[in-house]
């Protein structure tokens, strides 16, 4: 099993504990590939909901640049919702982005 496949497996396990629906493996794969080598770096692969700078980075780099969103209130609401839903000590960035996409009804 490759390192990427190991990461995907750990993301799927994390999603199974959070999501009540089946995991869309194709979407999760696209999210993980889109993050590139950052999934292998400990700090870059995690999201901290207690760090406002980190949440602003998610909003600017993922939601605005990748998804083209401009409604700050909608972005803040989605981030808050995912932070509440994904109640884990280590929040994987790929899983966090996947949950945001599902919450917003968007795809990559």
PDB file of N, CA and C in Angstrom:
ATOM      1  N   UNK A   1       0.841  -1.169   0.000  1.00  0.00           N
ATOM      2  CA  UNK A   1       0.000   0.000   0.000  1.00  0.00           C
ATOM      3  C   UNK A   1       0.897   1.247   0.000  1.00  0.00           C
ATOM      4  N   UNK A   2       0.600   2.174  -0.886  1.00  0.00           N
ATOM      5  CA  UNK A   2       1.387   3.401  -0.975  1.00  0.00           C
ATOM      6  C   UNK A   2       1.060   4.334   0.192  1.00  0.00           C
ATOM      7  N   UNK A   3       1.912   5.323   0.397  1.00  0.00           N
ATOM      8  CA  UNK A   3       1.669   6.303   1.458  1.00  0.00           C
ATOM      9  C   UNK A   3       0.354   7.044   1.217  1.00  0.00           C
ATOM     10  N   UNK A   4       0.082   7.356  -0.045  1.00  0.00           N
ATOM     11  CA  UNK A   4      -1.162   8.049  -0.382  1.00  0.00           C
ATOM     12  C   UNK A   4      -2.359   7.184  -0.021  1.00  0.00           C
ATOM     13  N   UNK A   5      -2.301   5.899  -0.351  1.00  0.00           N
ATOM     14  CA  UNK A   5      -3.403   4.989  -0.018  1.00  0.00           C
ATOM     15  C   UNK A   5      -3.582   4.862   1.498  1.00  0.00           C
ATOM     16  N   UNK A   6      -2.484   4.895   2.235  1.00  0.00           N
ATOM     17  CA  UNK A   6      -2.562   4.852   3.694  1.00  0.00           C
ATOM     18  C   UNK A   6      -3.263   6.099   4.227  1.00  0.00           C
ATOM     19  N   UNK A   7      -2.928   7.245   3.663  1.00  0.00           N
ATOM     20  CA  UNK A   7      -3.574   8.498   4.064  1.00  0.00           C
ATOM     21  C   UNK A   7      -5.068   8.445   3.758  1.00  0.00           C
ATOM     22  N   UNK A   8      -5.416   7.978   2.554  1.00  0.00           N
ATOM     23  CA  UNK A   8      -6.830   7.877   2.182  1.00  0.00           C
ATOM     24  C   UNK A   8      -7.580   6.962   3.144  1.00  0.00           C
ATOM     25  N   UNK A   9      -6.961   5.864   3.526  1.00  0.00           N
ATOM     26  CA  UNK A   9      -7.599   4.931   4.455  1.00  0.00           C
ATOM     27  C   UNK A   9      -7.830   5.598   5.812  1.00  0.00           C
ATOM     28  N   UNK A  10      -6.867   6.362   6.288  1.00  0.00           N
ATOM     29  CA  UNK A  10      -7.047   7.040   7.574  1.00  0.00           C
ATOM     30  C   UNK A  10      -8.116   8.130   7.461  1.00  0.00           C
ATOM     31  N   UNK A  11      -8.209   8.794   6.314  1.00  0.00           N
ATOM     32  CA  UNK A  11      -9.248   9.800   6.101  1.00  0.00           C
ATOM     33  C   UNK A  11     -10.628   9.146   6.070  1.00  0.00           C
ATOM     34  N   UNK A  12     -10.727   7.999   5.401  1.00  0.00           N
ATOM     35  CA  UNK A  12     -12.005   7.292   5.344  1.00  0.00           C
ATOM     36  C   UNK A  12     -12.439   6.834   6.736  1.00  0.00           C
ATOM     37  N   UNK A  13     -11.501   6.367   7.534  1.00  0.00           N
ATOM     38  CA  UNK A  13     -11.816   5.963   8.907  1.00  0.00           C
ATOM     39  C   UNK A  13     -12.328   7.161   9.709  1.00  0.00           C
ATOM     40  N   UNK A  14     -11.668   8.302   9.547  1.00  0.00           N
ATOM     41  CA  UNK A  14     -12.098   9.513  10.249  1.00  0.00           C
ATOM     42  C   UNK A  14     -13.495   9.929   9.804  1.00  0.00           C
ATOM     43  N   UNK A  15     -13.763   9.832   8.515  1.00  0.00           N
ATOM     44  CA  UNK A  15     -15.079  10.209   8.000  1.00  0.00           C
ATOM     45  C   UNK A  15     -16.174   9.262   8.473  1.00  0.00           C
ATOM     46  N   UNK A  16     -15.860   7.999   8.608  1.00  0.00           N
ATOM     47  CA  UNK A  16     -16.858   7.033   9.078  1.00  0.00           C
ATOM     48  C   UNK A  16     -17.319   7.371  10.488  1.00  0.00           C
ATOM     49  N   UNK A  17     -16.425   7.924  11.296  1.00  0.00           N
ATOM     50  CA  UNK A  17     -16.803   8.287  12.664  1.00  0.00           C
ATOM     51  C   UNK A  17     -17.566   9.614  12.718  1.00  0.00           C
ATOM     52  N   UNK A  18     -17.490  10.412  11.656  1.00  0.00           N
ATOM     53  CA  UNK A  18     -18.123  11.725  11.635  1.00  0.00           C
ATOM     54  C   UNK A  18     -19.403  11.735  10.802  1.00  0.00           C
ATOM     55  N   UNK A  19     -19.330  11.191   9.612  1.00  0.00           N
ATOM     56  CA  UNK A  19     -20.419  11.291   8.646  1.00  0.00           C
ATOM     57  C   UNK A  19     -21.434  10.168   8.830  1.00  0.00           C
ATOM     58  N   UNK A  20     -22.697  10.532   8.685  1.00  0.00           N
ATOM     59  CA  UNK A  20     -23.764   9.540   8.803  1.00  0.00           C
ATOM     60  C   UNK A  20     -24.081   8.891   7.455  1.00  0.00           C
ATOM     61  N   UNK A  21     -23.515   9.437   6.396  1.00  0.00           N
ATOM     62  CA  UNK A  21     -23.740   8.906   5.058  1.00  0.00           C
ATOM     63  C   UNK A  21     -22.486   8.196   4.564  1.00  0.00           C
ATOM     64  N   UNK A  22     -22.636   7.485   3.481  1.00  0.00           N
ATOM     65  CA  UNK A  22     -21.498   6.779   2.894  1.00  0.00           C
ATOM     66  C   UNK A  22     -20.465   7.786   2.380  1.00  0.00           C
ATOM     67  N   UNK A  23     -19.213   7.404   2.477  1.00  0.00           N
ATOM     68  CA  UNK A  23     -18.116   8.265   2.027  1.00  0.00           C
ATOM     69  C   UNK A  23     -18.023   8.215   0.507  1.00  0.00           C
ATOM     70  N   UNK A  24     -17.964   9.376  -0.109  1.00  0.00           N
ATOM     71  CA  UNK A  24     -17.750   9.486  -1.548  1.00  0.00           C
ATOM     72  C   UNK A  24     -16.248   9.379  -1.785  1.00  0.00           C
ATOM     73  N   UNK A  25     -15.775   8.173  -2.063  1.00  0.00           N
ATOM     74  CA  UNK A  25     -14.341   7.907  -2.187  1.00  0.00           C
ATOM     75  C   UNK A  25     -13.709   8.722  -3.310  1.00  0.00           C
ATOM     76  N   UNK A  26     -14.445   8.934  -4.388  1.00  0.00           N
ATOM     77  CA  UNK A  26     -13.910   9.708  -5.518  1.00  0.00           C
ATOM     78  C   UNK A  26     -13.661  11.159  -5.113  1.00  0.00           C
ATOM     79  N   UNK A  27     -14.617  11.754  -4.408  1.00  0.00           N
ATOM     80  CA  UNK A  27     -14.455  13.135  -3.956  1.00  0.00           C
ATOM     81  C   UNK A  27     -13.311  13.246  -2.942  1.00  0.00           C
ATOM     82  N   UNK A  28     -13.240  12.314  -2.017  1.00  0.00           N
ATOM     83  CA  UNK A  28     -12.166  12.319  -1.029  1.00  0.00           C
ATOM     84  C   UNK A  28     -10.805  12.193  -1.707  1.00  0.00           C
ATOM     85  N   UNK A  29     -10.716  11.349  -2.722  1.00  0.00           N
ATOM     86  CA  UNK A  29      -9.483  11.173  -3.493  1.00  0.00           C
ATOM     87  C   UNK A  29      -9.088  12.491  -4.171  1.00  0.00           C
ATOM     88  N   UNK A  30     -10.064  13.189  -4.775  1.00  0.00           N
ATOM     89  CA  UNK A  30      -9.785  14.463  -5.441  1.00  0.00           C
ATOM     90  C   UNK A  30      -9.309  15.511  -4.451  1.00  0.00           C
ATOM     91  N   UNK A  31      -9.939  15.546  -3.279  1.00  0.00           N
ATOM     92  CA  UNK A  31      -9.539  16.517  -2.257  1.00  0.00           C
ATOM     93  C   UNK A  31      -8.099  16.249  -1.822  1.00  0.00           C
ATOM     94  N   UNK A  32      -7.797  14.985  -1.531  1.00  0.00           N
ATOM     95  CA  UNK A  32      -6.452  14.621  -1.072  1.00  0.00           C
ATOM     96  C   UNK A  32      -5.407  14.916  -2.144  1.00  0.00           C
ATOM     97  N   UNK A  33      -5.697  14.587  -3.396  1.00  0.00           N
ATOM     98  CA  UNK A  33      -4.758  14.875  -4.476  1.00  0.00           C
ATOM     99  C   UNK A  33      -4.569  16.369  -4.659  1.00  0.00           C
ATOM    100  N   UNK A  34      -5.640  17.135  -4.481  1.00  0.00           N
ATOM    101  CA  UNK A  34      -5.574  18.583  -4.616  1.00  0.00           C
ATOM    102  C   UNK A  34      -4.692  19.230  -3.555  1.00  0.00           C
ATOM    103  N   UNK A  35      -4.569  18.582  -2.417  1.00  0.00           N
ATOM    104  CA  UNK A  35      -3.722  19.110  -1.346  1.00  0.00           C
ATOM    105  C   UNK A  35      -2.253  18.810  -1.577  1.00  0.00           C
ATOM    106  N   UNK A  36      -1.965  17.901  -2.496  1.00  0.00           N
ATOM    107  CA  UNK A  36      -0.583  17.601  -2.861  1.00  0.00           C
ATOM    108  C   UNK A  36       0.239  17.068  -1.710  1.00  0.00           C
ATOM    109  N   UNK A  37       1.511  17.413  -1.685  1.00  0.00           N
ATOM    110  CA  UNK A  37       2.404  16.869  -0.661  1.00  0.00           C
ATOM    111  C   UNK A  37       2.118  17.365   0.753  1.00  0.00           C
ATOM    112  N   UNK A  38       1.255  18.351   0.897  1.00  0.00           N
ATOM    113  CA  UNK A  38       0.972  18.864   2.242  1.00  0.00           C
ATOM    114  C   UNK A  38       0.319  17.808   3.137  1.00  0.00           C
ATOM    115  N   UNK A  39      -0.298  16.782   2.540  1.00  0.00           N
ATOM    116  CA  UNK A  39      -0.934  15.748   3.370  1.00  0.00           C
ATOM    117  C   UNK A  39       0.098  14.926   4.141  1.00  0.00           C
ATOM    118  N   UNK A  40       1.353  15.001   3.734  1.00  0.00           N
ATOM    119  CA  UNK A  40       2.410  14.243   4.406  1.00  0.00           C
ATOM    120  C   UNK A  40       3.133  15.060   5.485  1.00  0.00           C
ATOM    121  N   UNK A  41       2.831  16.342   5.570  1.00  0.00           N
ATOM    122  CA  UNK A  41       3.458  17.218   6.561  1.00  0.00           C
ATOM    123  C   UNK A  41       2.509  17.377   7.749  1.00  0.00           C
ATOM    124  N   UNK A  42       2.979  17.059   8.918  1.00  0.00           N
ATOM    125  CA  UNK A  42       2.114  17.020  10.098  1.00  0.00           C
ATOM    126  C   UNK A  42       1.310  18.306  10.280  1.00  0.00           C
ATOM    127  N   UNK A  43       1.959  19.439  10.344  1.00  0.00           N
ATOM    128  CA  UNK A  43       1.261  20.690  10.614  1.00  0.00           C
ATOM    129  C   UNK A  43       0.332  21.084   9.461  1.00  0.00           C
ATOM    130  N   UNK A  44       0.796  20.933   8.250  1.00  0.00           N
ATOM    131  CA  UNK A  44       0.004  21.337   7.084  1.00  0.00           C
ATOM    132  C   UNK A  44      -1.182  20.414   6.838  1.00  0.00           C
ATOM    133  N   UNK A  45      -1.125  19.203   7.333  1.00  0.00           N
ATOM    134  CA  UNK A  45      -2.194  18.238   7.067  1.00  0.00           C
ATOM    135  C   UNK A  45      -3.353  18.347   8.046  1.00  0.00           C
ATOM    136  N   UNK A  46      -3.230  19.243   9.034  1.00  0.00           N
ATOM    137  CA  UNK A  46      -4.270  19.379  10.056  1.00  0.00           C
ATOM    138  C   UNK A  46      -4.873  20.774  10.048  1.00  0.00           C
ATOM    139  N   UNK A  47      -6.123  20.869  10.516  1.00  0.00           N
ATOM    140  CA  UNK A  47      -6.816  22.144  10.671  1.00  0.00           C
ATOM    141  C   UNK A  47      -7.128  22.323  12.145  1.00  0.00           C
ATOM    142  N   UNK A  48      -6.861  23.507  12.660  1.00  0.00           N
ATOM    143  CA  UNK A  48      -7.160  23.823  14.058  1.00  0.00           C
ATOM    144  C   UNK A  48      -8.343  24.783  14.112  1.00  0.00           C
ATOM    145  N   UNK A  49      -9.461  24.305  14.629  1.00  0.00           N
ATOM    146  CA  UNK A  49     -10.649  25.159  14.729  1.00  0.00           C
ATOM    147  C   UNK A  49     -10.509  26.225  15.813  1.00  0.00           C
ATOM    148  N   UNK A  50      -9.543  26.085  16.685  1.00  0.00           N
ATOM    149  CA  UNK A  50      -9.346  27.074  17.743  1.00  0.00           C
ATOM    150  C   UNK A  50      -8.408  28.204  17.309  1.00  0.00           C
ATOM    151  N   UNK A  51      -7.854  28.112  16.118  1.00  0.00           N
ATOM    152  CA  UNK A  51      -6.915  29.113  15.607  1.00  0.00           C
ATOM    153  C   UNK A  51      -7.602  29.912  14.489  1.00  0.00           C
ATOM    154  N   UNK A  52      -7.990  31.150  14.795  1.00  0.00           N
ATOM    155  CA  UNK A  52      -8.709  31.961  13.819  1.00  0.00           C
ATOM    156  C   UNK A  52      -7.878  32.215  12.561  1.00  0.00           C
ATOM    157  N   UNK A  53      -6.568  32.329  12.699  1.00  0.00           N
ATOM    158  CA  UNK A  53      -5.700  32.519  11.531  1.00  0.00           C
ATOM    159  C   UNK A  53      -5.805  31.329  10.596  1.00  0.00           C
ATOM    160  N   UNK A  54      -5.864  30.141  11.158  1.00  0.00           N
ATOM    161  CA  UNK A  54      -6.000  28.917  10.354  1.00  0.00           C
ATOM    162  C   UNK A  54      -7.349  28.898   9.637  1.00  0.00           C
ATOM    163  N   UNK A  55      -8.397  29.264  10.332  1.00  0.00           N
ATOM    164  CA  UNK A  55      -9.730  29.273   9.717  1.00  0.00           C
ATOM    165  C   UNK A  55      -9.817  30.330   8.621  1.00  0.00           C
ATOM    166  N   UNK A  56      -9.164  31.459   8.821  1.00  0.00           N
ATOM    167  CA  UNK A  56      -9.113  32.488   7.772  1.00  0.00           C
ATOM    168  C   UNK A  56      -8.361  31.970   6.553  1.00  0.00           C
ATOM    169  N   UNK A  57      -7.327  31.166   6.788  1.00  0.00           N
ATOM    170  CA  UNK A  57      -6.562  30.560   5.694  1.00  0.00           C
ATOM    171  C   UNK A  57      -7.431  29.575   4.908  1.00  0.00           C
ATOM    172  N   UNK A  58      -8.231  28.785   5.617  1.00  0.00           N
ATOM    173  CA  UNK A  58      -9.151  27.856   4.950  1.00  0.00           C
ATOM    174  C   UNK A  58     -10.120  28.636   4.074  1.00  0.00           C
ATOM    175  N   UNK A  59     -10.641  29.705   4.629  1.00  0.00           N
ATOM    176  CA  UNK A  59     -11.608  30.524   3.897  1.00  0.00           C
ATOM    177  C   UNK A  59     -10.967  31.152   2.659  1.00  0.00           C
ATOM    178  N   UNK A  60      -9.775  31.722   2.815  1.00  0.00           N
ATOM    179  CA  UNK A  60      -9.124  32.417   1.703  1.00  0.00           C
ATOM    180  C   UNK A  60      -8.589  31.457   0.650  1.00  0.00           C
ATOM    181  N   UNK A  61      -7.863  30.435   1.079  1.00  0.00           N
ATOM    182  CA  UNK A  61      -7.172  29.572   0.119  1.00  0.00           C
ATOM    183  C   UNK A  61      -8.047  28.466  -0.468  1.00  0.00           C
ATOM    184  N   UNK A  62      -9.000  27.988   0.291  1.00  0.00           N
ATOM    185  CA  UNK A  62      -9.834  26.905  -0.238  1.00  0.00           C
ATOM    186  C   UNK A  62     -11.185  27.425  -0.725  1.00  0.00           C
ATOM    187  N   UNK A  63     -11.890  28.090   0.147  1.00  0.00           N
ATOM    188  CA  UNK A  63     -13.258  28.479  -0.196  1.00  0.00           C
ATOM    189  C   UNK A  63     -13.322  29.614  -1.214  1.00  0.00           C
ATOM    190  N   UNK A  64     -12.431  30.573  -1.096  1.00  0.00           N
ATOM    191  CA  UNK A  64     -12.453  31.693  -2.040  1.00  0.00           C
ATOM    192  C   UNK A  64     -11.698  31.353  -3.322  1.00  0.00           C
ATOM    193  N   UNK A  65     -10.450  30.896  -3.191  1.00  0.00           N
ATOM    194  CA  UNK A  65      -9.636  30.634  -4.384  1.00  0.00           C
ATOM    195  C   UNK A  65     -10.081  29.394  -5.151  1.00  0.00           C
ATOM    196  N   UNK A  66     -10.306  28.288  -4.450  1.00  0.00           N
ATOM    197  CA  UNK A  66     -10.645  27.035  -5.155  1.00  0.00           C
ATOM    198  C   UNK A  66     -12.115  26.946  -5.519  1.00  0.00           C
ATOM    199  N   UNK A  67     -12.994  27.387  -4.593  1.00  0.00           N
ATOM    200  CA  UNK A  67     -14.427  27.239  -4.829  1.00  0.00           C
ATOM    201  C   UNK A  67     -15.078  28.487  -5.395  1.00  0.00           C
ATOM    202  N   UNK A  68     -14.371  29.613  -5.353  1.00  0.00           N
ATOM    203  CA  UNK A  68     -14.904  30.850  -5.912  1.00  0.00           C
ATOM    204  C   UNK A  68     -15.990  31.493  -5.064  1.00  0.00           C
ATOM    205  N   UNK A  69     -16.034  31.185  -3.790  1.00  0.00           N
ATOM    206  CA  UNK A  69     -17.062  31.749  -2.915  1.00  0.00           C
ATOM    207  C   UNK A  69     -16.698  33.176  -2.515  1.00  0.00           C
ATOM    208  N   UNK A  70     -17.726  34.005  -2.327  1.00  0.00           N
ATOM    209  CA  UNK A  70     -17.496  35.390  -1.917  1.00  0.00           C
ATOM    210  C   UNK A  70     -18.325  35.786  -0.699  1.00  0.00           C
ATOM    211  N   UNK A  71     -19.311  35.000  -0.334  1.00  0.00           N
ATOM    212  CA  UNK A  71     -20.201  35.311   0.782  1.00  0.00           C
ATOM    213  C   UNK A  71     -19.545  34.923   2.104  1.00  0.00           C
ATOM    214  N   UNK A  72     -18.984  35.916   2.815  1.00  0.00           N
ATOM    215  CA  UNK A  72     -18.274  35.661   4.061  1.00  0.00           C
ATOM    216  C   UNK A  72     -19.158  34.999   5.110  1.00  0.00           C
ATOM    217  N   UNK A  73     -20.399  35.415   5.206  1.00  0.00           N
ATOM    218  CA  UNK A  73     -21.300  34.848   6.210  1.00  0.00           C
ATOM    219  C   UNK A  73     -21.537  33.359   5.943  1.00  0.00           C
ATOM    220  N   UNK A  74     -21.733  32.999   4.685  1.00  0.00           N
ATOM    221  CA  UNK A  74     -21.950  31.588   4.330  1.00  0.00           C
ATOM    222  C   UNK A  74     -20.691  30.766   4.589  1.00  0.00           C
ATOM    223  N   UNK A  75     -19.530  31.341   4.280  1.00  0.00           N
ATOM    224  CA  UNK A  75     -18.276  30.625   4.524  1.00  0.00           C
ATOM    225  C   UNK A  75     -18.059  30.419   6.020  1.00  0.00           C
ATOM    226  N   UNK A  76     -18.286  31.455   6.817  1.00  0.00           N
ATOM    227  CA  UNK A  76     -18.118  31.348   8.266  1.00  0.00           C
ATOM    228  C   UNK A  76     -19.088  30.331   8.863  1.00  0.00           C
ATOM    229  N   UNK A  77     -20.323  30.334   8.384  1.00  0.00           N
ATOM    230  CA  UNK A  77     -21.327  29.384   8.882  1.00  0.00           C
ATOM    231  C   UNK A  77     -20.927  27.949   8.554  1.00  0.00           C
ATOM    232  N   UNK A  78     -20.433  27.728   7.332  1.00  0.00           N
ATOM    233  CA  UNK A  78     -20.020  26.377   6.932  1.00  0.00           C
ATOM    234  C   UNK A  78     -18.824  25.910   7.754  1.00  0.00           C
ATOM    235  N   UNK A  79     -17.856  26.790   7.968  1.00  0.00           N
ATOM    236  CA  UNK A  79     -16.675  26.433   8.758  1.00  0.00           C
ATOM    237  C   UNK A  79     -17.079  26.113  10.195  1.00  0.00           C
ATOM    238  N   UNK A  80     -17.932  26.940  10.788  1.00  0.00           N
ATOM    239  CA  UNK A  80     -18.389  26.699  12.163  1.00  0.00           C
ATOM    240  C   UNK A  80     -19.127  25.380  12.268  1.00  0.00           C
ATOM    241  N   UNK A  81     -19.950  25.099  11.288  1.00  0.00           N
ATOM    242  CA  UNK A  81     -20.710  23.853  11.288  1.00  0.00           C
ATOM    243  C   UNK A  81     -19.796  22.640  11.206  1.00  0.00           C
ATOM    244  N   UNK A  82     -18.800  22.707  10.318  1.00  0.00           N
ATOM    245  CA  UNK A  82     -17.869  21.585  10.176  1.00  0.00           C
ATOM    246  C   UNK A  82     -17.015  21.438  11.441  1.00  0.00           C
ATOM    247  N   UNK A  83     -16.610  22.544  12.040  1.00  0.00           N
ATOM    248  CA  UNK A  83     -15.838  22.469  13.289  1.00  0.00           C
ATOM    249  C   UNK A  83     -16.649  21.761  14.372  1.00  0.00           C
ATOM    250  N   UNK A  84     -17.932  22.060  14.449  1.00  0.00           N
ATOM    251  CA  UNK A  84     -18.792  21.425  15.452  1.00  0.00           C
ATOM    252  C   UNK A  84     -19.025  19.951  15.127  1.00  0.00           C
ATOM    253  N   UNK A  85     -19.212  19.657  13.850  1.00  0.00           N
ATOM    254  CA  UNK A  85     -19.494  18.278  13.417  1.00  0.00           C
ATOM    255  C   UNK A  85     -18.258  17.385  13.524  1.00  0.00           C
ATOM    256  N   UNK A  86     -17.117  17.914  13.143  1.00  0.00           N
ATOM    257  CA  UNK A  86     -15.866  17.143  13.109  1.00  0.00           C
ATOM    258  C   UNK A  86     -15.153  17.365  14.446  1.00  0.00           C
ATOM    259  N   UNK A  87     -15.665  16.725  15.461  1.00  0.00           N
ATOM    260  CA  UNK A  87     -15.176  16.922  16.819  1.00  0.00           C
ATOM    261  C   UNK A  87     -14.117  15.875  17.137  1.00  0.00           C
ATOM    262  N   UNK A  88     -12.922  16.078  16.621  1.00  0.00           N
ATOM    263  CA  UNK A  88     -11.811  15.159  16.846  1.00  0.00           C
ATOM    264  C   UNK A  88     -10.596  15.960  17.311  1.00  0.00           C
ATOM    265  N   UNK A  89      -9.687  15.291  17.996  1.00  0.00           N
ATOM    266  CA  UNK A  89      -8.467  15.968  18.442  1.00  0.00           C
ATOM    267  C   UNK A  89      -7.622  16.410  17.261  1.00  0.00           C
ATOM    268  N   UNK A  90      -7.491  15.535  16.273  1.00  0.00           N
ATOM    269  CA  UNK A  90      -6.744  15.865  15.062  1.00  0.00           C
ATOM    270  C   UNK A  90      -7.727  15.945  13.901  1.00  0.00           C
ATOM    271  N   UNK A  91      -7.875  17.135  13.368  1.00  0.00           N
ATOM    272  CA  UNK A  91      -8.782  17.339  12.245  1.00  0.00           C
ATOM    273  C   UNK A  91      -7.955  17.353  10.958  1.00  0.00           C
ATOM    274  N   UNK A  92      -8.038  16.271  10.202  1.00  0.00           N
ATOM    275  CA  UNK A  92      -7.304  16.186   8.942  1.00  0.00           C
ATOM    276  C   UNK A  92      -7.853  17.216   7.962  1.00  0.00           C
ATOM    277  N   UNK A  93      -6.957  17.936   7.302  1.00  0.00           N
ATOM    278  CA  UNK A  93      -7.358  18.957   6.340  1.00  0.00           C
ATOM    279  C   UNK A  93      -8.195  18.360   5.204  1.00  0.00           C
ATOM    280  N   UNK A  94      -7.813  17.206   4.699  1.00  0.00           N
ATOM    281  CA  UNK A  94      -8.559  16.579   3.607  1.00  0.00           C
ATOM    282  C   UNK A  94      -9.989  16.257   4.043  1.00  0.00           C
ATOM    283  N   UNK A  95     -10.145  15.756   5.251  1.00  0.00           N
ATOM    284  CA  UNK A  95     -11.483  15.433   5.766  1.00  0.00           C
ATOM    285  C   UNK A  95     -12.265  16.719   6.002  1.00  0.00           C
ATOM    286  N   UNK A  96     -11.615  17.733   6.544  1.00  0.00           N
ATOM    287  CA  UNK A  96     -12.259  19.019   6.791  1.00  0.00           C
ATOM    288  C   UNK A  96     -12.777  19.608   5.480  1.00  0.00           C
ATOM    289  N   UNK A  97     -11.942  19.616   4.451  1.00  0.00           N
ATOM    290  CA  UNK A  97     -12.358  20.146   3.147  1.00  0.00           C
ATOM    291  C   UNK A  97     -13.472  19.305   2.537  1.00  0.00           C
ATOM    292  N   UNK A  98     -13.383  17.997   2.672  1.00  0.00           N
ATOM    293  CA  UNK A  98     -14.434  17.098   2.178  1.00  0.00           C
ATOM    294  C   UNK A  98     -15.764  17.457   2.837  1.00  0.00           C
ATOM    295  N   UNK A  99     -15.760  17.619   4.150  1.00  0.00           N
ATOM    296  CA  UNK A  99     -16.985  17.953   4.871  1.00  0.00           C
ATOM    297  C   UNK A  99     -17.520  19.320   4.457  1.00  0.00           C
ATOM    298  N   UNK A 100     -16.625  20.278   4.213  1.00  0.00           N
ATOM    299  CA  UNK A 100     -17.057  21.583   3.713  1.00  0.00           C
ATOM    300  C   UNK A 100     -17.749  21.443   2.359  1.00  0.00           C
ATOM    301  N   UNK A 101     -17.140  20.674   1.472  1.00  0.00           N
ATOM    302  CA  UNK A 101     -17.741  20.470   0.147  1.00  0.00           C
ATOM    303  C   UNK A 101     -19.122  19.839   0.258  1.00  0.00           C
ATOM    304  N   UNK A 102     -19.254  18.844   1.103  1.00  0.00           N
ATOM    305  CA  UNK A 102     -20.545  18.170   1.285  1.00  0.00           C
ATOM    306  C   UNK A 102     -21.571  19.143   1.879  1.00  0.00           C
ATOM    307  N   UNK A 103     -21.155  19.918   2.857  1.00  0.00           N
ATOM    308  CA  UNK A 103     -22.043  20.872   3.519  1.00  0.00           C
ATOM    309  C   UNK A 103     -22.546  21.935   2.519  1.00  0.00           C
ATOM    310  N   UNK A 104     -21.647  22.357   1.645  1.00  0.00           N
ATOM    311  CA  UNK A 104     -21.978  23.401   0.678  1.00  0.00           C
ATOM    312  C   UNK A 104     -22.599  22.861  -0.604  1.00  0.00           C
ATOM    313  N   UNK A 105     -22.592  21.532  -0.761  1.00  0.00           N
ATOM    314  CA  UNK A 105     -23.149  20.935  -1.985  1.00  0.00           C
ATOM    315  C   UNK A 105     -22.283  21.197  -3.200  1.00  0.00           C
ATOM    316  N   UNK A 106     -20.989  21.286  -2.996  1.00  0.00           N
ATOM    317  CA  UNK A 106     -20.066  21.583  -4.097  1.00  0.00           C
ATOM    318  C   UNK A 106     -19.158  20.394  -4.377  1.00  0.00           C
ATOM    319  N   UNK A 107     -18.509  20.423  -5.526  1.00  0.00           N
ATOM    320  CA  UNK A 107     -17.536  19.401  -5.898  1.00  0.00           C
ATOM    321  C   UNK A 107     -16.272  20.085  -6.421  1.00  0.00           C
ATOM    322  N   UNK A 108     -15.250  19.291  -6.597  1.00  0.00           N
ATOM    323  CA  UNK A 108     -14.014  19.822  -7.181  1.00  0.00           C
ATOM    324  C   UNK A 108     -13.948  19.489  -8.649  1.00  0.00           C
TER     325      UNK A 108
END
